[in-house]
Amino acid sequence: QVHLVESGGGLVQTGGSLRVSCAVSGRTLSTDAMAWFRQAPGKEREFVAAIRWSTGSTNYADSVVGRFTISKDNAENTVYLQMNSLKPEDTAVYYCAADSSLPRRDRPRSGAYNYDYWGQGTQVTVSS
């Protein structure tokens, strides 16, 4: 059973930076993609970024390109999301998720329905 624990959320001012982390346990070779999603109050959960453990291939939502960077530490089984130039509209609960059925050579997916395991979330609040 894959277990995901997010950390690092908090309150930051507009234009500031924050890094959230996702510690992964119980991962197998088939669990090859990780992603960050976010959900703001009254809104649907939306894709932010994803990465493959094996190749480092990444995928980003248009709204965060150039501002957010997803990375991984295979030795520590941890995935990070570095968030720069934060805006009030980035305020949300950020969730880490794992995909255990991504076909080989495919880029990591953006659909939440593709992800089998989810963390409990960490709150990120950007003040204006």
Foldseek 3Di string as FASTA:
>chain_A
DKAKAKDWADEAAAQAKTKMKIQIPPDDPLQFKKFKWWDDPPGDIFGAKMAGPPPRFMDGDPVCPPFWDWDADVVRNMIMIIGGNDDQVVWTWMKMFIARHDDPPDHDDTDPVRTDDIYPTDTHGYHD
